[in-house]
């Protein structure tokens, strides 16, 4: 499964919210397999990839 979420944040807050997002994605629900989560940043969707 592949999913993408887009968050708008002030650039000074990115380092604060990244671990929160990763933790939330990895632990959203209990599963028997690990969930991988990656974060890309940029001024727009294309830059973040």
PDB file of N, CA and C in Angstrom:
ATOM      1  N   UNK A   1       0.846  -1.158   0.000  1.00  0.00           N
ATOM      2  CA  UNK A   1       0.000   0.000   0.000  1.00  0.00           C
ATOM      3  C   UNK A   1       0.899   1.230   0.000  1.00  0.00           C
ATOM      4  N   UNK A   2       0.448   2.227  -0.680  1.00  0.00           N
ATOM      5  CA  UNK A   2       1.193   3.483  -0.759  1.00  0.00           C
ATOM      6  C   UNK A   2       0.220   4.613  -0.494  1.00  0.00           C
ATOM      7  N   UNK A   3       0.629   5.530   0.339  1.00  0.00           N
ATOM      8  CA  UNK A   3      -0.236   6.652   0.667  1.00  0.00           C
ATOM      9  C   UNK A   3       0.643   7.880   0.855  1.00  0.00           C
ATOM     10  N   UNK A   4       0.085   9.024   0.614  1.00  0.00           N
ATOM     11  CA  UNK A   4       0.822  10.259   0.821  1.00  0.00           C
ATOM     12  C   UNK A   4      -0.043  11.237   1.589  1.00  0.00           C
ATOM     13  N   UNK A   5       0.607  11.958   2.471  1.00  0.00           N
ATOM     14  CA  UNK A   5      -0.040  13.035   3.203  1.00  0.00           C
ATOM     15  C   UNK A   5       0.764  14.296   2.938  1.00  0.00           C
ATOM     16  N   UNK A   6       0.094  15.420   2.857  1.00  0.00           N
ATOM     17  CA  UNK A   6       0.758  16.702   2.651  1.00  0.00           C
ATOM     18  C   UNK A   6       0.460  17.575   3.863  1.00  0.00           C
ATOM     19  N   UNK A   7       1.508  18.081   4.490  1.00  0.00           N
ATOM     20  CA  UNK A   7       1.375  18.963   5.637  1.00  0.00           C
ATOM     21  C   UNK A   7       1.967  20.310   5.268  1.00  0.00           C
ATOM     22  N   UNK A   8       1.277  21.359   5.609  1.00  0.00           N
ATOM     23  CA  UNK A   8       1.808  22.713   5.456  1.00  0.00           C
ATOM     24  C   UNK A   8       2.323  23.138   6.826  1.00  0.00           C
ATOM     25  N   UNK A   9       3.561  23.571   6.866  1.00  0.00           N
ATOM     26  CA  UNK A   9       4.152  23.989   8.134  1.00  0.00           C
ATOM     27  C   UNK A   9       5.167  25.092   7.879  1.00  0.00           C
ATOM     28  N   UNK A  10       5.355  25.907   8.876  1.00  0.00           N
ATOM     29  CA  UNK A  10       6.389  26.934   8.809  1.00  0.00           C
ATOM     30  C   UNK A  10       7.735  26.230   8.836  1.00  0.00           C
ATOM     31  N   UNK A  11       8.697  26.719   8.077  1.00  0.00           N
ATOM     32  CA  UNK A  11       9.997  26.045   7.963  1.00  0.00           C
ATOM     33  C   UNK A  11      10.704  25.907   9.307  1.00  0.00           C
ATOM     34  N   UNK A  12      10.440  26.776  10.259  1.00  0.00           N
ATOM     35  CA  UNK A  12      11.048  26.674  11.588  1.00  0.00           C
ATOM     36  C   UNK A  12      10.462  25.529  12.412  1.00  0.00           C
ATOM     37  N   UNK A  13       9.326  24.988  11.996  1.00  0.00           N
ATOM     38  CA  UNK A  13       8.668  23.920  12.751  1.00  0.00           C
ATOM     39  C   UNK A  13       8.896  22.529  12.162  1.00  0.00           C
ATOM     40  N   UNK A  14       9.529  22.445  11.008  1.00  0.00           N
ATOM     41  CA  UNK A  14       9.669  21.164  10.317  1.00  0.00           C
ATOM     42  C   UNK A  14      10.402  20.135  11.175  1.00  0.00           C
ATOM     43  N   UNK A  15      11.515  20.526  11.788  1.00  0.00           N
ATOM     44  CA  UNK A  15      12.269  19.577  12.604  1.00  0.00           C
ATOM     45  C   UNK A  15      11.487  19.124  13.839  1.00  0.00           C
ATOM     46  N   UNK A  16      10.532  19.895  14.269  1.00  0.00           N
ATOM     47  CA  UNK A  16       9.703  19.531  15.417  1.00  0.00           C
ATOM     48  C   UNK A  16       8.622  18.538  15.011  1.00  0.00           C
ATOM     49  N   UNK A  17       7.974  18.779  13.863  1.00  0.00           N
ATOM     50  CA  UNK A  17       6.839  17.934  13.502  1.00  0.00           C
ATOM     51  C   UNK A  17       7.220  16.637  12.792  1.00  0.00           C
ATOM     52  N   UNK A  18       8.402  16.583  12.178  1.00  0.00           N
ATOM     53  CA  UNK A  18       8.806  15.355  11.479  1.00  0.00           C
ATOM     54  C   UNK A  18       8.718  14.111  12.365  1.00  0.00           C
ATOM     55  N   UNK A  19       9.349  14.109  13.556  1.00  0.00           N
ATOM     56  CA  UNK A  19       9.261  12.903  14.381  1.00  0.00           C
ATOM     57  C   UNK A  19       7.835  12.588  14.840  1.00  0.00           C
ATOM     58  N   UNK A  20       7.033  13.620  15.034  1.00  0.00           N
ATOM     59  CA  UNK A  20       5.639  13.399  15.436  1.00  0.00           C
ATOM     60  C   UNK A  20       4.858  12.700  14.327  1.00  0.00           C
ATOM     61  N   UNK A  21       5.092  13.118  13.098  1.00  0.00           N
ATOM     62  CA  UNK A  21       4.401  12.516  11.954  1.00  0.00           C
ATOM     63  C   UNK A  21       4.847  11.068  11.764  1.00  0.00           C
ATOM     64  N   UNK A  22       6.160  10.832  11.802  1.00  0.00           N
ATOM     65  CA  UNK A  22       6.677   9.468  11.645  1.00  0.00           C
ATOM     66  C   UNK A  22       6.097   8.559  12.725  1.00  0.00           C
ATOM     67  N   UNK A  23       6.135   8.994  13.968  1.00  0.00           N
ATOM     68  CA  UNK A  23       5.605   8.198  15.083  1.00  0.00           C
ATOM     69  C   UNK A  23       4.117   7.907  14.891  1.00  0.00           C
ATOM     70  N   UNK A  24       3.369   8.911  14.485  1.00  0.00           N
ATOM     71  CA  UNK A  24       1.938   8.719  14.256  1.00  0.00           C
ATOM     72  C   UNK A  24       1.645   7.749  13.130  1.00  0.00           C
ATOM     73  N   UNK A  25       2.404   7.825  12.066  1.00  0.00           N
ATOM     74  CA  UNK A  25       2.194   6.920  10.932  1.00  0.00           C
ATOM     75  C   UNK A  25       2.574   5.485  11.291  1.00  0.00           C
ATOM     76  N   UNK A  26       3.684   5.306  11.974  1.00  0.00           N
ATOM     77  CA  UNK A  26       4.151   3.960  12.314  1.00  0.00           C
ATOM     78  C   UNK A  26       3.268   3.277  13.346  1.00  0.00           C
ATOM     79  N   UNK A  27       2.603   4.058  14.170  1.00  0.00           N
ATOM     80  CA  UNK A  27       1.797   3.484  15.255  1.00  0.00           C
ATOM     81  C   UNK A  27       0.313   3.795  15.120  1.00  0.00           C
ATOM     82  N   UNK A  28      -0.143   4.073  13.926  1.00  0.00           N
ATOM     83  CA  UNK A  28      -1.551   4.424  13.717  1.00  0.00           C
ATOM     84  C   UNK A  28      -2.483   3.287  14.105  1.00  0.00           C
ATOM     85  N   UNK A  29      -2.035   2.060  13.889  1.00  0.00           N
ATOM     86  CA  UNK A  29      -2.836   0.899  14.271  1.00  0.00           C
ATOM     87  C   UNK A  29      -1.903  -0.297  14.455  1.00  0.00           C
ATOM     88  N   UNK A  30      -2.269  -1.218  15.323  1.00  0.00           N
ATOM     89  CA  UNK A  30      -1.401  -2.379  15.538  1.00  0.00           C
ATOM     90  C   UNK A  30      -1.455  -3.340  14.349  1.00  0.00           C
ATOM     91  N   UNK A  31      -0.287  -3.681  13.834  1.00  0.00           N
ATOM     92  CA  UNK A  31      -0.176  -4.610  12.713  1.00  0.00           C
ATOM     93  C   UNK A  31       0.932  -5.617  13.010  1.00  0.00           C
ATOM     94  N   UNK A  32       0.899  -6.745  12.333  1.00  0.00           N
ATOM     95  CA  UNK A  32       1.933  -7.764  12.500  1.00  0.00           C
ATOM     96  C   UNK A  32       3.186  -7.459  11.686  1.00  0.00           C
ATOM     97  N   UNK A  33       3.108  -6.489  10.820  1.00  0.00           N
ATOM     98  CA  UNK A  33       4.259  -6.096  10.001  1.00  0.00           C
ATOM     99  C   UNK A  33       4.603  -4.639  10.302  1.00  0.00           C
ATOM    100  N   UNK A  34       5.869  -4.284  10.208  1.00  0.00           N
ATOM    101  CA  UNK A  34       6.238  -2.886  10.476  1.00  0.00           C
ATOM    102  C   UNK A  34       5.777  -1.963   9.348  1.00  0.00           C
ATOM    103  N   UNK A  35       5.466  -0.752   9.706  1.00  0.00           N
ATOM    104  CA  UNK A  35       5.079   0.277   8.747  1.00  0.00           C
ATOM    105  C   UNK A  35       6.297   1.159   8.475  1.00  0.00           C
ATOM    106  N   UNK A  36       6.596   1.377   7.225  1.00  0.00           N
ATOM    107  CA  UNK A  36       7.678   2.287   6.858  1.00  0.00           C
ATOM    108  C   UNK A  36       7.077   3.649   6.546  1.00  0.00           C
ATOM    109  N   UNK A  37       7.735   4.682   7.002  1.00  0.00           N
ATOM    110  CA  UNK A  37       7.277   6.043   6.738  1.00  0.00           C
ATOM    111  C   UNK A  37       8.489   6.893   6.380  1.00  0.00           C
ATOM    112  N   UNK A  38       8.339   7.720   5.378  1.00  0.00           N
ATOM    113  CA  UNK A  38       9.398   8.621   4.938  1.00  0.00           C
ATOM    114  C   UNK A  38       8.840  10.028   4.840  1.00  0.00           C
ATOM    115  N   UNK A  39       9.710  10.989   5.002  1.00  0.00           N
ATOM    116  CA  UNK A  39       9.293  12.381   4.894  1.00  0.00           C
ATOM    117  C   UNK A  39      10.218  13.104   3.926  1.00  0.00           C
ATOM    118  N   UNK A  40       9.614  13.811   3.003  1.00  0.00           N
ATOM    119  CA  UNK A  40      10.340  14.695   2.109  1.00  0.00           C
ATOM    120  C   UNK A  40       9.835  16.104   2.345  1.00  0.00           C
ATOM    121  N   UNK A  41      10.705  17.072   2.209  1.00  0.00           N
ATOM    122  CA  UNK A  41      10.280  18.457   2.414  1.00  0.00           C
ATOM    123  C   UNK A  41      10.632  19.303   1.202  1.00  0.00           C
ATOM    124  N   UNK A  42       9.893  20.348   1.020  1.00  0.00           N
ATOM    125  CA  UNK A  42      10.133  21.260  -0.080  1.00  0.00           C
ATOM    126  C   UNK A  42       9.080  22.350  -0.095  1.00  0.00           C
ATOM    127  N   UNK A  43       9.263  23.297  -0.972  1.00  0.00           N
ATOM    128  CA  UNK A  43       8.301  24.401  -1.086  1.00  0.00           C
ATOM    129  C   UNK A  43       6.999  23.949  -1.720  1.00  0.00           C
ATOM    130  N   UNK A  44       7.048  22.799  -2.452  1.00  0.00           N
ATOM    131  CA  UNK A  44       5.856  22.267  -3.069  1.00  0.00           C
ATOM    132  C   UNK A  44       5.977  20.746  -3.152  1.00  0.00           C
ATOM    133  N   UNK A  45       4.947  20.068  -3.628  1.00  0.00           N
ATOM    134  CA  UNK A  45       4.921  18.607  -3.679  1.00  0.00           C
ATOM    135  C   UNK A  45       6.063  18.058  -4.515  1.00  0.00           C
ATOM    136  N   UNK A  46       6.344  18.686  -5.631  1.00  0.00           N
ATOM    137  CA  UNK A  46       7.398  18.199  -6.519  1.00  0.00           C
ATOM    138  C   UNK A  46       8.778  18.290  -5.846  1.00  0.00           C
ATOM    139  N   UNK A  47       9.044  19.371  -5.160  1.00  0.00           N
ATOM    140  CA  UNK A  47      10.328  19.510  -4.452  1.00  0.00           C
ATOM    141  C   UNK A  47      10.481  18.481  -3.344  1.00  0.00           C
ATOM    142  N   UNK A  48       9.398  18.100  -2.742  1.00  0.00           N
ATOM    143  CA  UNK A  48       9.452  17.152  -1.611  1.00  0.00           C
ATOM    144  C   UNK A  48       9.767  15.738  -2.066  1.00  0.00           C
ATOM    145  N   UNK A  49       9.715  15.498  -3.354  1.00  0.00           N
ATOM    146  CA  UNK A  49       9.994  14.141  -3.850  1.00  0.00           C
ATOM    147  C   UNK A  49      11.337  14.132  -4.474  1.00  0.00           C
TER     148      UNK A  49
END
